[in-house]
N, C-alpha and C. Protein backbone atom coordinates (compact mmCIF):
# COMPACT_ATOMS: atom_id res chain seq x y z
N MET A 1 164.69 96.29 101.71
CA MET A 1 165.10 96.58 103.08
C MET A 1 165.77 95.28 103.66
N VAL A 2 166.98 95.49 104.23
CA VAL A 2 167.64 94.36 104.84
C VAL A 2 167.01 94.11 106.18
N ASN A 3 166.71 92.83 106.46
CA ASN A 3 166.16 92.47 107.76
C ASN A 3 167.29 92.36 108.73
N ASP A 4 167.28 93.13 109.81
CA ASP A 4 168.38 93.20 110.77
C ASP A 4 168.46 91.93 111.56
N ASN A 5 167.57 90.99 111.45
CA ASN A 5 167.65 89.74 112.15
C ASN A 5 168.27 88.63 111.33
N THR A 6 168.61 88.89 110.07
CA THR A 6 169.04 87.82 109.18
C THR A 6 170.56 87.72 109.02
N PHE A 7 171.28 88.82 109.39
CA PHE A 7 172.72 88.84 109.17
C PHE A 7 173.39 89.64 110.22
N HIS A 8 174.36 89.02 110.88
CA HIS A 8 175.13 89.81 111.85
C HIS A 8 176.58 89.52 111.61
N PRO A 9 177.43 90.52 111.35
CA PRO A 9 178.89 90.30 111.22
C PRO A 9 179.45 89.72 112.41
N ASN A 10 180.59 89.09 112.28
CA ASN A 10 181.29 88.56 113.39
C ASN A 10 181.65 89.56 114.44
N ALA A 11 181.28 89.29 115.68
CA ALA A 11 181.45 90.28 116.75
C ALA A 11 182.94 90.40 117.13
N SER A 12 183.80 89.54 116.67
CA SER A 12 185.21 89.59 117.04
C SER A 12 186.06 90.27 115.96
N THR A 13 185.51 91.30 115.31
CA THR A 13 186.25 91.97 114.24
C THR A 13 187.39 92.79 114.78
N GLY A 14 187.34 93.17 116.08
CA GLY A 14 188.37 94.04 116.62
C GLY A 14 188.20 95.46 116.20
N ILE A 15 187.10 95.80 115.58
CA ILE A 15 186.82 97.18 115.08
C ILE A 15 185.98 97.95 116.15
N ARG A 16 186.46 99.08 116.54
CA ARG A 16 185.70 99.93 117.47
C ARG A 16 184.94 101.02 116.74
N HIS A 17 185.63 101.67 115.76
CA HIS A 17 185.06 102.89 115.16
C HIS A 17 185.24 102.84 113.63
N ILE A 18 184.11 102.89 112.90
CA ILE A 18 184.14 102.93 111.44
C ILE A 18 183.70 104.26 110.92
N GLY A 19 184.38 104.79 109.91
CA GLY A 19 183.97 106.00 109.26
C GLY A 19 183.46 105.70 107.83
N LEU A 20 182.39 106.41 107.49
CA LEU A 20 181.75 106.20 106.19
C LEU A 20 181.52 107.50 105.45
N ILE A 21 182.02 107.54 104.20
CA ILE A 21 181.81 108.74 103.33
C ILE A 21 180.93 108.23 102.18
N PRO A 22 179.61 108.47 102.29
CA PRO A 22 178.69 107.87 101.26
C PRO A 22 178.58 108.80 100.02
N ASP A 23 179.52 108.77 99.19
CA ASP A 23 179.59 109.67 98.04
C ASP A 23 178.89 109.09 96.81
N GLY A 24 178.35 109.95 95.98
CA GLY A 24 177.82 109.57 94.69
C GLY A 24 176.32 109.74 94.52
N GLY A 25 175.65 110.41 95.46
CA GLY A 25 174.23 110.56 95.34
C GLY A 25 173.75 111.36 94.17
N ARG A 26 174.47 112.39 93.82
CA ARG A 26 174.10 113.22 92.68
C ARG A 26 174.26 112.46 91.37
N ARG A 27 175.38 111.76 91.23
CA ARG A 27 175.63 110.94 90.02
C ARG A 27 174.63 109.77 89.91
N TRP A 28 174.34 109.20 91.04
CA TRP A 28 173.34 108.06 91.02
C TRP A 28 171.94 108.57 90.49
N ALA A 29 171.56 109.76 90.92
CA ALA A 29 170.32 110.35 90.51
C ALA A 29 170.32 110.55 88.99
N GLU A 30 171.40 111.08 88.43
CA GLU A 30 171.52 111.33 87.04
C GLU A 30 171.54 110.01 86.25
N ASN A 31 172.27 109.02 86.75
CA ASN A 31 172.41 107.74 86.04
C ASN A 31 171.07 106.96 86.03
N ASN A 32 170.22 107.16 87.05
CA ASN A 32 169.05 106.34 87.20
C ASN A 32 167.73 107.09 87.00
N ASN A 33 167.85 108.32 86.47
CA ASN A 33 166.73 109.18 86.17
C ASN A 33 165.82 109.35 87.40
N HIS A 34 166.50 109.69 88.52
CA HIS A 34 165.80 109.97 89.78
C HIS A 34 166.05 111.42 90.13
N SER A 35 165.19 112.01 90.96
CA SER A 35 165.47 113.33 91.50
C SER A 35 166.54 113.22 92.55
N LEU A 36 167.19 114.38 92.86
CA LEU A 36 168.19 114.41 93.94
C LEU A 36 167.50 114.04 95.24
N LEU A 37 166.31 114.54 95.50
CA LEU A 37 165.66 114.24 96.75
C LEU A 37 165.41 112.75 96.89
N SER A 38 164.98 112.08 95.80
CA SER A 38 164.78 110.63 95.86
C SER A 38 166.05 109.89 96.12
N SER A 39 167.14 110.33 95.46
CA SER A 39 168.44 109.68 95.66
C SER A 39 168.97 109.84 97.07
N TYR A 40 168.84 111.03 97.65
CA TYR A 40 169.28 111.25 99.02
C TYR A 40 168.43 110.49 100.01
N GLY A 41 167.11 110.37 99.68
CA GLY A 41 166.26 109.56 100.53
C GLY A 41 166.67 108.10 100.56
N LEU A 42 167.02 107.57 99.41
CA LEU A 42 167.54 106.17 99.36
C LEU A 42 168.83 106.04 100.12
N THR A 43 169.68 107.04 99.98
CA THR A 43 170.95 107.00 100.77
C THR A 43 170.68 106.92 102.26
N SER A 44 169.76 107.71 102.73
CA SER A 44 169.42 107.70 104.18
C SER A 44 168.95 106.33 104.65
N LYS A 45 168.11 105.67 103.84
CA LYS A 45 167.58 104.37 104.20
C LYS A 45 168.67 103.32 104.21
N LYS A 46 169.62 103.40 103.22
CA LYS A 46 170.67 102.42 103.14
C LYS A 46 171.63 102.65 104.31
N MET A 47 171.91 103.88 104.66
CA MET A 47 172.77 104.14 105.80
C MET A 47 172.23 103.56 107.08
N ALA A 48 170.89 103.70 107.26
CA ALA A 48 170.26 103.18 108.45
C ALA A 48 170.36 101.67 108.54
N GLU A 49 170.21 101.00 107.38
CA GLU A 49 170.35 99.56 107.38
C GLU A 49 171.77 99.16 107.77
N PHE A 50 172.73 99.84 107.26
CA PHE A 50 174.14 99.50 107.58
C PHE A 50 174.41 99.73 109.10
N VAL A 51 173.90 100.85 109.60
CA VAL A 51 174.11 101.18 111.05
C VAL A 51 173.51 100.12 111.94
N ILE A 52 172.30 99.71 111.59
CA ILE A 52 171.59 98.67 112.45
C ILE A 52 172.44 97.41 112.47
N LEU A 53 172.89 96.96 111.34
CA LEU A 53 173.61 95.71 111.28
C LEU A 53 174.95 95.80 111.98
N LEU A 54 175.66 96.91 111.83
CA LEU A 54 176.93 97.10 112.49
C LEU A 54 176.74 97.30 113.98
N ALA A 55 175.65 97.93 114.41
CA ALA A 55 175.39 98.16 115.80
C ALA A 55 175.31 96.81 116.58
N HIS A 56 174.76 95.79 115.93
CA HIS A 56 174.58 94.48 116.54
C HIS A 56 175.77 93.56 116.32
N SER A 57 176.88 94.10 115.80
CA SER A 57 178.06 93.26 115.51
C SER A 57 179.14 93.54 116.57
N GLY A 58 178.94 94.40 117.52
CA GLY A 58 179.97 94.66 118.51
C GLY A 58 180.69 95.95 118.22
N ILE A 59 180.48 96.60 117.10
CA ILE A 59 181.16 97.89 116.82
C ILE A 59 180.56 98.96 117.67
N ALA A 60 181.37 99.80 118.25
CA ALA A 60 180.91 100.78 119.25
C ALA A 60 180.54 102.10 118.69
N GLU A 61 181.12 102.45 117.54
CA GLU A 61 180.94 103.81 117.04
C GLU A 61 181.00 103.86 115.50
N ILE A 62 180.18 104.70 114.90
CA ILE A 62 180.15 104.90 113.46
C ILE A 62 180.03 106.42 113.19
N SER A 63 180.91 106.93 112.34
CA SER A 63 180.84 108.32 111.94
C SER A 63 180.54 108.38 110.44
N ILE A 64 179.55 109.18 110.10
CA ILE A 64 179.05 109.24 108.71
C ILE A 64 179.16 110.74 108.25
N PHE A 65 179.84 110.91 107.14
CA PHE A 65 180.01 112.27 106.57
C PHE A 65 178.82 112.61 105.73
N LEU A 66 177.88 113.39 106.28
CA LEU A 66 176.67 113.76 105.51
C LEU A 66 176.95 115.01 104.62
N SER A 67 177.66 115.97 105.17
CA SER A 67 177.91 117.18 104.36
C SER A 67 179.09 117.94 104.98
N SER A 68 179.92 118.51 104.14
CA SER A 68 180.97 119.43 104.58
C SER A 68 180.37 120.84 104.62
N LYS A 69 181.09 121.75 105.22
CA LYS A 69 180.72 123.14 105.26
C LYS A 69 180.67 123.67 103.82
N GLU A 70 181.59 123.18 103.01
CA GLU A 70 181.68 123.67 101.62
C GLU A 70 180.53 123.23 100.75
N ASN A 71 179.87 122.12 101.11
CA ASN A 71 178.80 121.56 100.32
C ASN A 71 177.62 122.56 100.26
N PHE A 72 177.54 123.44 101.25
CA PHE A 72 176.42 124.39 101.30
C PHE A 72 176.65 125.55 100.37
N ARG A 73 177.77 125.55 99.63
CA ARG A 73 178.07 126.58 98.63
C ARG A 73 177.61 126.11 97.25
N ARG A 74 177.12 124.88 97.17
CA ARG A 74 176.67 124.32 95.89
C ARG A 74 175.41 124.98 95.41
N HIS A 75 174.94 124.62 94.21
CA HIS A 75 173.72 125.17 93.64
C HIS A 75 172.55 124.94 94.56
N GLU A 76 171.65 125.94 94.57
CA GLU A 76 170.55 125.94 95.54
C GLU A 76 169.69 124.66 95.44
N ASN A 77 169.46 124.17 94.18
CA ASN A 77 168.62 122.96 94.03
C ASN A 77 169.23 121.76 94.77
N GLU A 78 170.55 121.72 94.79
CA GLU A 78 171.23 120.60 95.47
C GLU A 78 171.16 120.72 96.99
N THR A 79 171.42 121.93 97.50
CA THR A 79 171.37 122.13 98.94
C THR A 79 169.94 121.98 99.45
N ASP A 80 168.94 122.41 98.66
CA ASP A 80 167.56 122.23 99.03
C ASP A 80 167.18 120.78 99.13
N ALA A 81 167.67 119.99 98.13
CA ALA A 81 167.37 118.53 98.19
C ALA A 81 168.00 117.82 99.39
N PHE A 82 169.28 118.25 99.62
CA PHE A 82 169.97 117.64 100.80
C PHE A 82 169.23 118.02 102.12
N ASN A 83 168.89 119.33 102.22
CA ASN A 83 168.23 119.73 103.46
C ASN A 83 166.88 119.02 103.64
N SER A 84 166.16 118.82 102.61
CA SER A 84 164.82 118.13 102.75
C SER A 84 165.04 116.67 103.15
N ALA A 85 166.02 116.00 102.46
CA ALA A 85 166.23 114.59 102.78
C ALA A 85 166.81 114.49 104.22
N ALA A 86 167.73 115.35 104.57
CA ALA A 86 168.35 115.30 105.86
C ALA A 86 167.29 115.59 106.98
N MET A 87 166.44 116.51 106.75
CA MET A 87 165.36 116.85 107.74
C MET A 87 164.44 115.65 107.93
N ASN A 88 164.07 114.97 106.82
CA ASN A 88 163.24 113.77 106.95
C ASN A 88 163.94 112.68 107.72
N ALA A 89 165.27 112.54 107.49
CA ALA A 89 166.03 111.53 108.18
C ALA A 89 166.11 111.82 109.68
N ILE A 90 166.38 113.13 110.01
CA ILE A 90 166.51 113.53 111.39
C ILE A 90 165.18 113.46 112.11
N GLN A 91 164.09 113.67 111.42
CA GLN A 91 162.77 113.64 112.10
C GLN A 91 162.19 112.22 112.17
N ASN A 92 162.55 111.37 111.17
CA ASN A 92 161.84 110.08 111.09
C ASN A 92 162.82 108.85 111.07
N THR A 93 163.55 108.73 110.04
CA THR A 93 164.38 107.49 109.83
C THR A 93 165.36 107.27 111.01
N ILE A 94 166.09 108.27 111.36
CA ILE A 94 167.11 108.13 112.43
C ILE A 94 166.51 107.97 113.78
N PRO A 95 165.50 108.78 114.20
CA PRO A 95 164.89 108.57 115.52
C PRO A 95 164.24 107.16 115.65
N GLN A 96 163.58 106.66 114.65
CA GLN A 96 162.95 105.36 114.71
C GLN A 96 164.00 104.28 114.90
N MET A 97 165.12 104.39 114.14
CA MET A 97 166.23 103.46 114.26
C MET A 97 166.89 103.56 115.63
N ALA A 98 167.14 104.76 116.08
CA ALA A 98 167.86 104.96 117.35
C ALA A 98 167.02 104.45 118.53
N MET A 99 165.73 104.74 118.54
CA MET A 99 164.88 104.32 119.64
C MET A 99 164.76 102.84 119.72
N ARG A 100 164.60 102.18 118.56
CA ARG A 100 164.39 100.74 118.52
C ARG A 100 165.66 100.05 118.88
N HIS A 101 166.84 100.55 118.52
CA HIS A 101 168.09 99.78 118.68
C HIS A 101 168.99 100.43 119.73
N LYS A 102 168.52 101.43 120.45
CA LYS A 102 169.30 102.03 121.56
C LYS A 102 170.60 102.62 121.09
N ILE A 103 170.51 103.47 120.04
CA ILE A 103 171.66 104.08 119.43
C ILE A 103 171.73 105.55 119.84
N LYS A 104 172.88 105.96 120.36
CA LYS A 104 173.06 107.36 120.74
C LYS A 104 173.54 108.16 119.47
N VAL A 105 172.87 109.28 119.24
CA VAL A 105 173.13 110.08 118.04
C VAL A 105 173.79 111.42 118.46
N SER A 106 174.87 111.78 117.77
CA SER A 106 175.52 113.04 118.02
C SER A 106 175.83 113.69 116.67
N VAL A 107 175.63 114.97 116.59
CA VAL A 107 175.89 115.75 115.33
C VAL A 107 177.15 116.54 115.51
N ALA A 108 178.10 116.47 114.61
CA ALA A 108 179.35 117.18 114.60
C ALA A 108 179.41 118.11 113.41
N GLY A 109 179.66 119.38 113.69
CA GLY A 109 179.74 120.35 112.60
C GLY A 109 179.21 121.73 113.06
N ASP A 110 179.45 122.71 112.20
CA ASP A 110 178.94 124.06 112.43
C ASP A 110 177.52 124.17 111.96
N THR A 111 176.57 123.97 112.84
CA THR A 111 175.18 123.93 112.41
C THR A 111 174.54 125.32 112.36
N SER A 112 175.36 126.37 112.62
CA SER A 112 174.83 127.71 112.69
C SER A 112 174.21 128.17 111.33
N GLN A 113 174.65 127.60 110.23
CA GLN A 113 174.12 128.01 108.96
C GLN A 113 172.88 127.20 108.56
N LEU A 114 172.41 126.27 109.39
CA LEU A 114 171.20 125.54 109.12
C LEU A 114 170.03 126.35 109.63
N ASN A 115 168.83 126.07 109.06
CA ASN A 115 167.68 126.85 109.53
C ASN A 115 167.28 126.43 110.94
N ALA A 116 166.48 127.28 111.59
CA ALA A 116 166.15 127.09 113.00
C ALA A 116 165.43 125.73 113.21
N GLU A 117 164.54 125.38 112.32
CA GLU A 117 163.79 124.16 112.52
C GLU A 117 164.70 122.92 112.46
N PHE A 118 165.73 122.94 111.51
CA PHE A 118 166.68 121.85 111.39
C PHE A 118 167.47 121.75 112.72
N ILE A 119 167.97 122.84 113.24
CA ILE A 119 168.72 122.85 114.47
C ILE A 119 167.89 122.33 115.64
N GLU A 120 166.65 122.72 115.70
CA GLU A 120 165.77 122.22 116.77
C GLU A 120 165.60 120.72 116.71
N GLU A 121 165.41 120.17 115.50
CA GLU A 121 165.24 118.73 115.34
C GLU A 121 166.52 117.97 115.74
N ILE A 122 167.69 118.55 115.41
CA ILE A 122 168.97 117.96 115.82
C ILE A 122 169.10 117.91 117.33
N ASN A 123 168.73 119.05 117.97
CA ASN A 123 168.82 119.08 119.44
C ASN A 123 167.87 118.08 120.07
N LYS A 124 166.67 117.89 119.53
CA LYS A 124 165.74 116.96 120.05
C LYS A 124 166.24 115.49 119.91
N LEU A 125 166.83 115.23 118.76
CA LEU A 125 167.37 113.88 118.50
C LEU A 125 168.52 113.55 119.45
N GLU A 126 169.41 114.49 119.57
CA GLU A 126 170.58 114.27 120.52
C GLU A 126 170.10 114.07 121.95
N TYR A 127 169.15 114.84 122.39
CA TYR A 127 168.68 114.79 123.72
C TYR A 127 167.90 113.52 124.00
N SER A 128 167.09 113.06 123.09
CA SER A 128 166.25 111.87 123.28
C SER A 128 167.08 110.59 123.28
N THR A 129 168.26 110.63 122.64
CA THR A 129 169.10 109.39 122.58
C THR A 129 170.36 109.46 123.46
N ARG A 130 170.45 110.43 124.30
CA ARG A 130 171.68 110.71 125.06
C ARG A 130 172.07 109.58 125.97
N ASN A 131 171.11 108.77 126.42
CA ASN A 131 171.44 107.69 127.39
C ASN A 131 171.61 106.31 126.77
N PHE A 132 171.46 106.22 125.43
CA PHE A 132 171.58 104.94 124.78
C PHE A 132 173.04 104.55 124.60
N ASP A 133 173.32 103.23 124.65
CA ASP A 133 174.68 102.80 124.68
C ASP A 133 175.07 101.60 123.80
N LEU A 134 174.16 101.15 122.97
CA LEU A 134 174.50 100.04 122.08
C LEU A 134 175.59 100.49 121.09
N LEU A 135 175.42 101.70 120.56
CA LEU A 135 176.33 102.23 119.58
C LEU A 135 176.26 103.75 119.57
N LYS A 136 177.31 104.44 119.27
CA LYS A 136 177.26 105.89 119.11
C LYS A 136 177.37 106.22 117.61
N LEU A 137 176.42 106.94 117.11
CA LEU A 137 176.39 107.36 115.70
C LEU A 137 176.68 108.84 115.60
N ASN A 138 177.82 109.18 114.98
CA ASN A 138 178.14 110.59 114.78
C ASN A 138 177.80 110.94 113.35
N LEU A 139 176.90 111.98 113.21
CA LEU A 139 176.52 112.51 111.93
C LEU A 139 177.26 113.83 111.65
N LEU A 140 178.12 113.84 110.65
CA LEU A 140 178.84 115.04 110.36
C LEU A 140 178.03 115.91 109.38
N ILE A 141 177.53 117.07 109.87
CA ILE A 141 176.73 117.94 109.03
C ILE A 141 177.41 119.31 109.09
N SER A 142 177.64 119.91 107.89
CA SER A 142 178.32 121.18 107.80
C SER A 142 179.65 121.11 108.54
N TYR A 143 180.38 120.00 108.31
CA TYR A 143 181.59 119.75 109.04
C TYR A 143 182.86 120.30 108.32
N ASN A 144 183.75 120.85 109.12
CA ASN A 144 185.09 121.26 108.67
C ASN A 144 186.04 121.05 109.86
N PRO A 145 187.14 120.37 109.64
CA PRO A 145 188.04 120.05 110.74
C PRO A 145 188.62 121.27 111.41
N VAL A 146 188.77 122.38 110.77
CA VAL A 146 189.28 123.61 111.39
C VAL A 146 188.32 124.09 112.47
N ASP A 147 187.00 124.01 112.12
CA ASP A 147 185.95 124.35 113.21
C ASP A 147 186.06 123.46 114.36
N GLU A 148 186.26 122.18 114.09
CA GLU A 148 186.33 121.21 115.21
C GLU A 148 187.53 121.47 116.08
N ILE A 149 188.68 121.74 115.49
CA ILE A 149 189.90 122.03 116.21
C ILE A 149 189.80 123.30 117.06
N LYS A 150 189.21 124.35 116.41
CA LYS A 150 189.02 125.62 117.12
C LYS A 150 188.12 125.42 118.34
N HIS A 151 187.05 124.66 118.09
CA HIS A 151 186.09 124.40 119.17
C HIS A 151 186.82 123.65 120.33
N ALA A 152 187.58 122.68 119.96
CA ALA A 152 188.23 121.82 120.99
C ALA A 152 189.22 122.67 121.79
N ILE A 153 190.00 123.47 121.13
CA ILE A 153 190.97 124.35 121.87
C ILE A 153 190.28 125.28 122.79
N ASN A 154 189.18 125.91 122.31
CA ASN A 154 188.44 126.84 123.15
C ASN A 154 187.79 126.16 124.37
N GLN A 155 187.41 124.89 124.18
CA GLN A 155 186.72 124.20 125.25
C GLN A 155 187.67 123.46 126.22
N SER A 156 188.90 123.22 125.77
CA SER A 156 189.83 122.43 126.54
C SER A 156 190.48 123.24 127.71
N ASP A 157 190.58 122.55 128.85
CA ASP A 157 191.23 123.18 129.97
C ASP A 157 192.59 122.52 130.28
N SER A 158 193.10 121.75 129.27
CA SER A 158 194.36 121.04 129.42
C SER A 158 195.11 121.19 128.09
N GLU A 159 196.34 120.69 128.06
CA GLU A 159 197.16 120.72 126.85
C GLU A 159 196.64 119.75 125.76
N ASP A 160 195.89 118.74 126.19
CA ASP A 160 195.42 117.74 125.25
C ASP A 160 194.01 118.15 124.77
N PHE A 161 193.97 119.02 123.72
CA PHE A 161 192.69 119.51 123.20
C PHE A 161 191.89 118.38 122.53
N THR A 162 192.52 117.30 122.20
CA THR A 162 191.78 116.24 121.50
C THR A 162 190.64 115.63 122.32
N LYS A 163 190.75 115.77 123.64
CA LYS A 163 189.67 115.30 124.47
C LYS A 163 188.38 116.12 124.33
N SER A 164 188.50 117.27 123.71
CA SER A 164 187.30 118.11 123.49
C SER A 164 186.87 118.17 122.05
N LEU A 165 187.38 117.26 121.23
CA LEU A 165 186.94 117.22 119.84
C LEU A 165 185.48 116.77 119.77
N TRP A 166 184.78 117.14 118.75
CA TRP A 166 183.38 116.69 118.58
C TRP A 166 183.35 115.09 118.48
N VAL A 167 184.31 114.55 117.79
CA VAL A 167 184.45 113.09 117.70
C VAL A 167 185.73 112.69 118.39
N LYS A 168 185.67 112.01 119.45
CA LYS A 168 186.86 111.77 120.29
C LYS A 168 187.58 110.48 120.05
N THR A 169 186.89 109.47 119.46
CA THR A 169 187.47 108.15 119.33
C THR A 169 188.23 107.99 118.00
N PRO A 170 189.48 107.50 118.02
CA PRO A 170 190.20 107.27 116.77
C PRO A 170 189.44 106.32 115.84
N LEU A 171 189.54 106.54 114.57
CA LEU A 171 188.94 105.67 113.58
C LEU A 171 189.79 104.47 113.31
N ASP A 172 189.21 103.31 113.15
CA ASP A 172 189.94 102.07 112.74
C ASP A 172 189.95 102.00 111.26
N LEU A 173 188.84 102.19 110.57
CA LEU A 173 188.83 102.17 109.10
C LEU A 173 187.84 103.18 108.58
N VAL A 174 188.13 103.70 107.38
CA VAL A 174 187.22 104.59 106.70
C VAL A 174 186.91 104.03 105.33
N ILE A 175 185.63 104.05 105.02
CA ILE A 175 185.18 103.57 103.68
C ILE A 175 184.53 104.74 102.93
N ARG A 176 185.04 104.95 101.69
CA ARG A 176 184.47 106.00 100.81
C ARG A 176 183.98 105.33 99.51
N THR A 177 182.78 105.69 99.17
CA THR A 177 182.24 105.25 97.85
C THR A 177 182.41 106.35 96.82
N GLY A 178 182.06 106.03 95.59
CA GLY A 178 181.98 107.05 94.55
C GLY A 178 183.20 107.24 93.73
N GLY A 179 184.29 106.49 94.01
CA GLY A 179 185.46 106.49 93.11
C GLY A 179 186.56 107.51 93.45
N ALA A 180 186.36 108.31 94.40
CA ALA A 180 187.40 109.32 94.77
C ALA A 180 188.24 108.74 95.88
N ASN A 181 189.57 108.80 95.74
CA ASN A 181 190.48 108.23 96.75
C ASN A 181 191.06 109.34 97.59
N LEU A 182 190.21 110.09 98.30
CA LEU A 182 190.62 111.13 99.21
C LEU A 182 189.60 111.25 100.33
N LEU A 183 190.01 111.88 101.40
CA LEU A 183 189.14 111.95 102.60
C LEU A 183 188.27 113.22 102.62
N SER A 184 188.66 114.22 101.83
CA SER A 184 187.87 115.45 101.74
C SER A 184 187.62 116.07 103.10
N ASN A 185 188.66 116.07 103.97
CA ASN A 185 188.60 116.67 105.27
C ASN A 185 187.69 115.94 106.29
N PHE A 186 187.51 114.63 105.99
CA PHE A 186 186.75 113.87 106.96
C PHE A 186 187.59 113.39 108.14
N LEU A 187 187.30 114.00 109.30
CA LEU A 187 187.94 113.64 110.55
C LEU A 187 189.43 113.36 110.39
N PRO A 188 190.25 114.26 109.93
CA PRO A 188 191.66 113.94 109.70
C PRO A 188 192.48 113.60 110.90
N ILE A 189 192.14 114.16 112.08
CA ILE A 189 192.89 113.79 113.27
C ILE A 189 192.50 112.38 113.70
N GLN A 190 191.24 112.06 113.69
CA GLN A 190 190.76 110.75 114.11
C GLN A 190 191.18 109.66 113.17
N ALA A 191 191.41 110.02 111.88
CA ALA A 191 191.75 109.04 110.85
C ALA A 191 193.24 108.85 110.68
N GLY A 192 194.04 109.40 111.63
CA GLY A 192 195.49 109.35 111.48
C GLY A 192 196.08 108.01 111.25
N TYR A 193 195.54 106.94 111.91
CA TYR A 193 196.02 105.61 111.74
C TYR A 193 194.93 104.67 111.20
N ALA A 194 193.95 105.22 110.58
CA ALA A 194 192.83 104.41 110.02
C ALA A 194 193.22 103.75 108.69
N ARG A 195 192.71 102.58 108.48
CA ARG A 195 192.84 101.93 107.19
C ARG A 195 191.78 102.48 106.26
N LEU A 196 192.21 102.89 105.00
CA LEU A 196 191.39 103.55 104.12
C LEU A 196 190.97 102.59 102.96
N TYR A 197 189.63 102.59 102.67
CA TYR A 197 189.11 101.73 101.59
C TYR A 197 188.26 102.61 100.68
N PHE A 198 188.54 102.50 99.39
CA PHE A 198 187.78 103.32 98.41
C PHE A 198 187.10 102.38 97.39
N SER A 199 185.78 102.63 97.21
CA SER A 199 185.01 101.83 96.30
C SER A 199 184.60 102.69 95.12
N ASN A 200 184.67 102.11 93.89
CA ASN A 200 184.24 102.81 92.71
C ASN A 200 182.68 102.88 92.61
N LYS A 201 181.98 102.07 93.44
CA LYS A 201 180.56 102.09 93.39
C LYS A 201 179.98 103.38 93.99
N LEU A 202 178.92 103.87 93.40
CA LEU A 202 178.20 104.97 94.04
C LEU A 202 177.47 104.39 95.25
N PHE A 203 177.27 105.25 96.29
CA PHE A 203 176.82 104.71 97.58
C PHE A 203 175.49 103.92 97.41
N ASN A 204 174.57 104.45 96.65
CA ASN A 204 173.30 103.75 96.50
C ASN A 204 173.40 102.41 95.80
N ASP A 205 174.53 102.12 95.18
CA ASP A 205 174.80 100.79 94.56
C ASP A 205 175.67 99.95 95.49
N PHE A 206 176.13 100.50 96.57
CA PHE A 206 177.09 99.82 97.48
C PHE A 206 176.27 98.85 98.36
N ALA A 207 176.64 97.61 98.38
CA ALA A 207 175.84 96.56 99.04
C ALA A 207 176.49 96.18 100.39
N LEU A 208 175.68 95.49 101.18
CA LEU A 208 176.19 95.00 102.47
C LEU A 208 177.40 94.06 102.28
N THR A 209 177.37 93.26 101.19
CA THR A 209 178.49 92.35 100.92
C THR A 209 179.76 93.13 100.62
N ASP A 210 179.62 94.34 99.99
CA ASP A 210 180.85 95.18 99.74
C ASP A 210 181.34 95.65 101.09
N LEU A 211 180.48 96.08 101.98
CA LEU A 211 180.90 96.55 103.27
C LEU A 211 181.64 95.45 104.02
N MET A 212 181.09 94.28 104.02
CA MET A 212 181.70 93.15 104.77
C MET A 212 183.05 92.72 104.21
N GLU A 213 183.20 92.86 102.87
CA GLU A 213 184.52 92.53 102.28
C GLU A 213 185.62 93.38 102.85
N TYR A 214 185.35 94.68 103.05
CA TYR A 214 186.34 95.62 103.63
C TYR A 214 186.56 95.29 105.09
N ILE A 215 185.46 94.98 105.81
CA ILE A 215 185.62 94.57 107.23
C ILE A 215 186.44 93.31 107.37
N ASP A 216 186.16 92.32 106.51
CA ASP A 216 186.92 91.13 106.55
C ASP A 216 188.40 91.31 106.25
N ASP A 217 188.65 92.19 105.24
CA ASP A 217 190.06 92.51 104.94
C ASP A 217 190.74 93.20 106.15
N TYR A 218 190.05 94.08 106.79
CA TYR A 218 190.65 94.79 107.94
C TYR A 218 190.99 93.82 109.03
N THR A 219 190.11 92.84 109.32
CA THR A 219 190.35 91.92 110.38
C THR A 219 191.52 91.04 110.14
N SER A 220 191.94 90.94 108.90
CA SER A 220 193.13 90.04 108.54
C SER A 220 194.46 90.82 108.70
N LEU A 221 194.41 92.09 109.00
CA LEU A 221 195.59 92.92 109.08
C LEU A 221 196.26 92.88 110.49
N THR A 222 197.55 93.13 110.53
CA THR A 222 198.26 93.35 111.80
C THR A 222 198.56 94.85 111.86
N ARG A 223 197.94 95.55 112.75
CA ARG A 223 198.10 97.01 112.84
C ARG A 223 199.25 97.35 113.80
N LYS A 224 200.10 98.32 113.36
CA LYS A 224 201.25 98.67 114.11
C LYS A 224 201.23 100.09 114.70
N TYR A 225 200.24 100.91 114.28
CA TYR A 225 200.10 102.27 114.83
C TYR A 225 201.39 103.09 114.81
N GLY A 226 202.12 102.98 113.71
CA GLY A 226 203.34 103.80 113.54
C GLY A 226 204.56 103.18 114.21
N GLU A 227 204.50 102.01 114.80
CA GLU A 227 205.64 101.46 115.45
C GLU A 227 206.67 100.98 114.41
């Protein structure tokens, strides 16, 4: 476990919003002779460590892609393992982190296909952290951008439907592990001008030093936003 008092990134990174696609949990389990549940549990703990460190670096928002809507069409043993690990994270790991470090948690996605207990725990987590302001953590669960856009259009009372998106802040950079160089429908509107970084490492092998290399590279760039 990384001690959150031992390392803090430079607060002058100029980064407001980071996106993270923690890919590779299934392959890591196979490579290391672990169960899927064990692998996903390790993923949850590692994500919490990263969030704590980034929260104290001056970054305002982090969005993490936990599952797409399509992920729930996978084999039952995989969806069961994800649901068990996600439930444990929603009930224990994330609330403990959020309460201690004053992190606001929001879930983005079509949660209607989750079981009632899972939905109730999500609602409790969002409500209990609603007034925290150190950092906003968006957890994408059963997410599809078409659902987000439809929701935003239905909720919007103006021509600018983007103000009603589940995740409203544009992304500065997106990091994906696992060797795939695509976004897989991760916040495509918010990522329009984001810098994309792809690591061949599986997420459970992805280290804090790897994360900081991408952040350091980003801070050295001159961004033009299409100019």
